[in-house]
């Protein structure tokens, strides 16, 4: 497999592992609010994004 495809495959593997590890976990934000990880996705601007249930966001 060419090195570009290999790197892309590793990134996607790590993304899948992050989703598996994080979704459903309890978290406490720096502003003191708590919730559970609802969703994890990749964003072109921010990188890894996490949605928290029980927190409205900004």
PDB file of N, CA and C in Angstrom:
ATOM      1  N   UNK A   1       0.852  -1.170   0.000  1.00  0.00           N
ATOM      2  CA  UNK A   1       0.000   0.000   0.000  1.00  0.00           C
ATOM      3  C   UNK A   1       0.906   1.244   0.000  1.00  0.00           C
ATOM      4  N   UNK A   2       0.619   2.231  -0.852  1.00  0.00           N
ATOM      5  CA  UNK A   2       1.415   3.466  -0.872  1.00  0.00           C
ATOM      6  C   UNK A   2       1.364   4.172   0.484  1.00  0.00           C
ATOM      7  N   UNK A   3       2.415   4.938   0.800  1.00  0.00           N
ATOM      8  CA  UNK A   3       2.535   5.542   2.128  1.00  0.00           C
ATOM      9  C   UNK A   3       1.392   6.510   2.446  1.00  0.00           C
ATOM     10  N   UNK A   4       0.875   7.246   1.452  1.00  0.00           N
ATOM     11  CA  UNK A   4      -0.247   8.158   1.697  1.00  0.00           C
ATOM     12  C   UNK A   4      -1.495   7.411   2.135  1.00  0.00           C
ATOM     13  N   UNK A   5      -1.782   6.304   1.467  1.00  0.00           N
ATOM     14  CA  UNK A   5      -2.949   5.494   1.831  1.00  0.00           C
ATOM     15  C   UNK A   5      -2.748   4.861   3.206  1.00  0.00           C
ATOM     16  N   UNK A   6      -1.528   4.460   3.500  1.00  0.00           N
ATOM     17  CA  UNK A   6      -1.225   3.842   4.794  1.00  0.00           C
ATOM     18  C   UNK A   6      -1.450   4.844   5.923  1.00  0.00           C
ATOM     19  N   UNK A   7      -0.975   6.086   5.729  1.00  0.00           N
ATOM     20  CA  UNK A   7      -1.178   7.125   6.743  1.00  0.00           C
ATOM     21  C   UNK A   7      -2.658   7.447   6.930  1.00  0.00           C
ATOM     22  N   UNK A   8      -3.384   7.561   5.812  1.00  0.00           N
ATOM     23  CA  UNK A   8      -4.820   7.843   5.885  1.00  0.00           C
ATOM     24  C   UNK A   8      -5.543   6.722   6.613  1.00  0.00           C
ATOM     25  N   UNK A   9      -5.147   5.492   6.352  1.00  0.00           N
ATOM     26  CA  UNK A   9      -5.755   4.346   7.012  1.00  0.00           C
ATOM     27  C   UNK A   9      -5.495   4.381   8.518  1.00  0.00           C
ATOM     28  N   UNK A  10      -4.285   4.752   8.918  1.00  0.00           N
ATOM     29  CA  UNK A  10      -3.952   4.852  10.345  1.00  0.00           C
ATOM     30  C   UNK A  10      -4.776   5.939  11.024  1.00  0.00           C
ATOM     31  N   UNK A  11      -4.956   7.074  10.336  1.00  0.00           N
ATOM     32  CA  UNK A  11      -5.754   8.166  10.893  1.00  0.00           C
ATOM     33  C   UNK A  11      -7.190   7.701  11.115  1.00  0.00           C
ATOM     34  N   UNK A  12      -7.764   7.032  10.127  1.00  0.00           N
ATOM     35  CA  UNK A  12      -9.136   6.549  10.256  1.00  0.00           C
ATOM     36  C   UNK A  12      -9.264   5.483  11.338  1.00  0.00           C
ATOM     37  N   UNK A  13      -8.244   4.639  11.482  1.00  0.00           N
ATOM     38  CA  UNK A  13      -8.243   3.642  12.553  1.00  0.00           C
ATOM     39  C   UNK A  13      -8.250   4.314  13.922  1.00  0.00           C
ATOM     40  N   UNK A  14      -7.423   5.343  14.099  1.00  0.00           N
ATOM     41  CA  UNK A  14      -7.359   6.070  15.365  1.00  0.00           C
ATOM     42  C   UNK A  14      -8.655   6.815  15.638  1.00  0.00           C
ATOM     43  N   UNK A  15      -9.269   7.361  14.595  1.00  0.00           N
ATOM     44  CA  UNK A  15     -10.550   8.042  14.729  1.00  0.00           C
ATOM     45  C   UNK A  15     -11.613   7.063  15.231  1.00  0.00           C
ATOM     46  N   UNK A  16     -11.656   5.887  14.654  1.00  0.00           N
ATOM     47  CA  UNK A  16     -12.599   4.862  15.091  1.00  0.00           C
ATOM     48  C   UNK A  16     -12.351   4.445  16.533  1.00  0.00           C
ATOM     49  N   UNK A  17     -11.085   4.331  16.906  1.00  0.00           N
ATOM     50  CA  UNK A  17     -10.752   3.974  18.288  1.00  0.00           C
ATOM     51  C   UNK A  17     -11.179   5.078  19.249  1.00  0.00           C
ATOM     52  N   UNK A  18     -10.991   6.339  18.859  1.00  0.00           N
ATOM     53  CA  UNK A  18     -11.413   7.469  19.701  1.00  0.00           C
ATOM     54  C   UNK A  18     -12.920   7.452  19.891  1.00  0.00           C
ATOM     55  N   UNK A  19     -13.663   7.196  18.827  1.00  0.00           N
ATOM     56  CA  UNK A  19     -15.121   7.110  18.933  1.00  0.00           C
ATOM     57  C   UNK A  19     -15.519   6.019  19.919  1.00  0.00           C
ATOM     58  N   UNK A  20     -14.934   4.844  19.781  1.00  0.00           N
ATOM     59  CA  UNK A  20     -15.270   3.711  20.642  1.00  0.00           C
ATOM     60  C   UNK A  20     -14.962   4.010  22.104  1.00  0.00           C
ATOM     61  N   UNK A  21     -13.838   4.661  22.353  1.00  0.00           N
ATOM     62  CA  UNK A  21     -13.419   4.939  23.723  1.00  0.00           C
ATOM     63  C   UNK A  21     -14.216   6.063  24.364  1.00  0.00           C
ATOM     64  N   UNK A  22     -14.632   7.062  23.593  1.00  0.00           N
ATOM     65  CA  UNK A  22     -15.201   8.272  24.174  1.00  0.00           C
ATOM     66  C   UNK A  22     -16.724   8.285  24.275  1.00  0.00           C
ATOM     67  N   UNK A  23     -17.429   7.730  23.289  1.00  0.00           N
ATOM     68  CA  UNK A  23     -18.896   7.822  23.280  1.00  0.00           C
ATOM     69  C   UNK A  23     -19.470   7.101  24.502  1.00  0.00           C
ATOM     70  N   UNK A  24     -20.313   7.833  25.234  1.00  0.00           N
ATOM     71  CA  UNK A  24     -20.950   7.300  26.430  1.00  0.00           C
ATOM     72  C   UNK A  24     -20.186   7.572  27.716  1.00  0.00           C
ATOM     73  N   UNK A  25     -18.969   8.103  27.634  1.00  0.00           N
ATOM     74  CA  UNK A  25     -18.177   8.391  28.829  1.00  0.00           C
ATOM     75  C   UNK A  25     -18.652   9.671  29.486  1.00  0.00           C
ATOM     76  N   UNK A  26     -18.586   9.728  30.812  1.00  0.00           N
ATOM     77  CA  UNK A  26     -18.935  10.927  31.567  1.00  0.00           C
ATOM     78  C   UNK A  26     -17.777  11.919  31.483  1.00  0.00           C
ATOM     79  N   UNK A  27     -18.119  13.193  31.332  1.00  0.00           N
ATOM     80  CA  UNK A  27     -17.104  14.246  31.268  1.00  0.00           C
ATOM     81  C   UNK A  27     -17.544  15.434  32.120  1.00  0.00           C
ATOM     82  N   UNK A  28     -16.560  16.190  32.598  1.00  0.00           N
ATOM     83  CA  UNK A  28     -16.807  17.443  33.293  1.00  0.00           C
ATOM     84  C   UNK A  28     -16.028  18.508  32.537  1.00  0.00           C
ATOM     85  N   UNK A  29     -16.714  19.558  32.122  1.00  0.00           N
ATOM     86  CA  UNK A  29     -16.087  20.636  31.366  1.00  0.00           C
ATOM     87  C   UNK A  29     -15.424  21.635  32.311  1.00  0.00           C
ATOM     88  N   UNK A  30     -14.555  22.474  31.781  1.00  0.00           N
ATOM     89  CA  UNK A  30     -13.828  23.433  32.606  1.00  0.00           C
ATOM     90  C   UNK A  30     -14.747  24.460  33.255  1.00  0.00           C
ATOM     91  N   UNK A  31     -15.951  24.651  32.709  1.00  0.00           N
ATOM     92  CA  UNK A  31     -16.891  25.593  33.319  1.00  0.00           C
ATOM     93  C   UNK A  31     -17.735  24.925  34.412  1.00  0.00           C
ATOM     94  N   UNK A  32     -17.427  23.666  34.748  1.00  0.00           N
ATOM     95  CA  UNK A  32     -18.109  22.961  35.817  1.00  0.00           C
ATOM     96  C   UNK A  32     -19.320  22.149  35.382  1.00  0.00           C
ATOM     97  N   UNK A  33     -19.745  22.279  34.132  1.00  0.00           N
ATOM     98  CA  UNK A  33     -20.892  21.511  33.648  1.00  0.00           C
ATOM     99  C   UNK A  33     -20.458  20.081  33.339  1.00  0.00           C
ATOM    100  N   UNK A  34     -21.390  19.157  33.533  1.00  0.00           N
ATOM    101  CA  UNK A  34     -21.086  17.743  33.295  1.00  0.00           C
ATOM    102  C   UNK A  34     -22.071  17.153  32.306  1.00  0.00           C
ATOM    103  N   UNK A  35     -21.682  16.069  31.670  1.00  0.00           N
ATOM    104  CA  UNK A  35     -22.534  15.370  30.720  1.00  0.00           C
ATOM    105  C   UNK A  35     -21.836  14.120  30.241  1.00  0.00           C
ATOM    106  N   UNK A  36     -22.346  13.542  29.161  1.00  0.00           N
ATOM    107  CA  UNK A  36     -21.716  12.369  28.564  1.00  0.00           C
ATOM    108  C   UNK A  36     -21.407  12.673  27.103  1.00  0.00           C
ATOM    109  N   UNK A  37     -20.376  12.039  26.593  1.00  0.00           N
ATOM    110  CA  UNK A  37     -19.994  12.227  25.195  1.00  0.00           C
ATOM    111  C   UNK A  37     -21.063  11.571  24.330  1.00  0.00           C
ATOM    112  N   UNK A  38     -21.658  12.379  23.453  1.00  0.00           N
ATOM    113  CA  UNK A  38     -22.753  11.936  22.604  1.00  0.00           C
ATOM    114  C   UNK A  38     -22.268  11.543  21.205  1.00  0.00           C
ATOM    115  N   UNK A  39     -21.305  12.316  20.681  1.00  0.00           N
ATOM    116  CA  UNK A  39     -20.838  12.084  19.313  1.00  0.00           C
ATOM    117  C   UNK A  39     -19.413  12.608  19.179  1.00  0.00           C
ATOM    118  N   UNK A  40     -18.663  11.997  18.279  1.00  0.00           N
ATOM    119  CA  UNK A  40     -17.303  12.425  17.961  1.00  0.00           C
ATOM    120  C   UNK A  40     -17.198  12.486  16.445  1.00  0.00           C
ATOM    121  N   UNK A  41     -16.661  13.596  15.915  1.00  0.00           N
ATOM    122  CA  UNK A  41     -16.509  13.700  14.467  1.00  0.00           C
ATOM    123  C   UNK A  41     -15.303  14.557  14.127  1.00  0.00           C
ATOM    124  N   UNK A  42     -14.896  14.498  12.872  1.00  0.00           N
ATOM    125  CA  UNK A  42     -13.764  15.294  12.387  1.00  0.00           C
ATOM    126  C   UNK A  42     -14.273  16.547  11.710  1.00  0.00           C
ATOM    127  N   UNK A  43     -13.609  17.661  11.964  1.00  0.00           N
ATOM    128  CA  UNK A  43     -13.973  18.957  11.422  1.00  0.00           C
ATOM    129  C   UNK A  43     -12.738  19.541  10.751  1.00  0.00           C
ATOM    130  N   UNK A  44     -12.884  20.071   9.549  1.00  0.00           N
ATOM    131  CA  UNK A  44     -11.750  20.634   8.814  1.00  0.00           C
ATOM    132  C   UNK A  44     -11.072  21.770   9.568  1.00  0.00           C
ATOM    133  N   UNK A  45     -11.843  22.569  10.283  1.00  0.00           N
ATOM    134  CA  UNK A  45     -11.312  23.733  10.977  1.00  0.00           C
ATOM    135  C   UNK A  45     -10.731  23.410  12.344  1.00  0.00           C
ATOM    136  N   UNK A  46     -11.389  22.508  13.085  1.00  0.00           N
ATOM    137  CA  UNK A  46     -11.025  22.281  14.477  1.00  0.00           C
ATOM    138  C   UNK A  46     -10.368  20.942  14.754  1.00  0.00           C
ATOM    139  N   UNK A  47     -10.437  20.016  13.833  1.00  0.00           N
ATOM    140  CA  UNK A  47      -9.901  18.676  14.067  1.00  0.00           C
ATOM    141  C   UNK A  47     -10.963  17.787  14.689  1.00  0.00           C
ATOM    142  N   UNK A  48     -10.645  17.158  15.797  1.00  0.00           N
ATOM    143  CA  UNK A  48     -11.573  16.261  16.466  1.00  0.00           C
ATOM    144  C   UNK A  48     -12.578  17.073  17.273  1.00  0.00           C
ATOM    145  N   UNK A  49     -13.867  16.884  17.020  1.00  0.00           N
ATOM    146  CA  UNK A  49     -14.932  17.602  17.732  1.00  0.00           C
ATOM    147  C   UNK A  49     -15.716  16.600  18.554  1.00  0.00           C
ATOM    148  N   UNK A  50     -16.199  17.052  19.701  1.00  0.00           N
ATOM    149  CA  UNK A  50     -16.943  16.190  20.609  1.00  0.00           C
ATOM    150  C   UNK A  50     -18.234  16.894  21.000  1.00  0.00           C
ATOM    151  N   UNK A  51     -19.353  16.172  20.909  1.00  0.00           N
ATOM    152  CA  UNK A  51     -20.652  16.679  21.323  1.00  0.00           C
ATOM    153  C   UNK A  51     -20.968  16.092  22.697  1.00  0.00           C
ATOM    154  N   UNK A  52     -21.397  16.969  23.629  1.00  0.00           N
ATOM    155  CA  UNK A  52     -21.675  16.553  24.996  1.00  0.00           C
ATOM    156  C   UNK A  52     -23.178  16.624  25.268  1.00  0.00           C
ATOM    157  N   UNK A  53     -23.788  15.521  25.689  1.00  0.00           N
ATOM    158  CA  UNK A  53     -25.197  15.515  26.076  1.00  0.00           C
ATOM    159  C   UNK A  53     -25.315  16.206  27.434  1.00  0.00           C
ATOM    160  N   UNK A  54     -26.313  17.065  27.570  1.00  0.00           N
ATOM    161  CA  UNK A  54     -26.490  17.789  28.821  1.00  0.00           C
ATOM    162  C   UNK A  54     -25.780  19.124  28.832  1.00  0.00           C
ATOM    163  N   UNK A  55     -25.203  19.509  27.692  1.00  0.00           N
ATOM    164  CA  UNK A  55     -24.500  20.793  27.591  1.00  0.00           C
ATOM    165  C   UNK A  55     -24.896  21.445  26.287  1.00  0.00           C
ATOM    166  N   UNK A  56     -25.421  22.660  26.340  1.00  0.00           N
ATOM    167  CA  UNK A  56     -25.919  23.338  25.147  1.00  0.00           C
ATOM    168  C   UNK A  56     -24.811  23.841  24.239  1.00  0.00           C
ATOM    169  N   UNK A  57     -23.630  24.041  24.759  1.00  0.00           N
ATOM    170  CA  UNK A  57     -22.539  24.613  23.956  1.00  0.00           C
ATOM    171  C   UNK A  57     -22.652  26.120  23.911  1.00  0.00           C
ATOM    172  N   UNK A  58     -21.897  26.723  23.008  1.00  0.00           N
ATOM    173  CA  UNK A  58     -21.903  28.195  22.907  1.00  0.00           C
ATOM    174  C   UNK A  58     -22.819  28.640  21.812  1.00  0.00           C
TER     175      UNK A  58
END
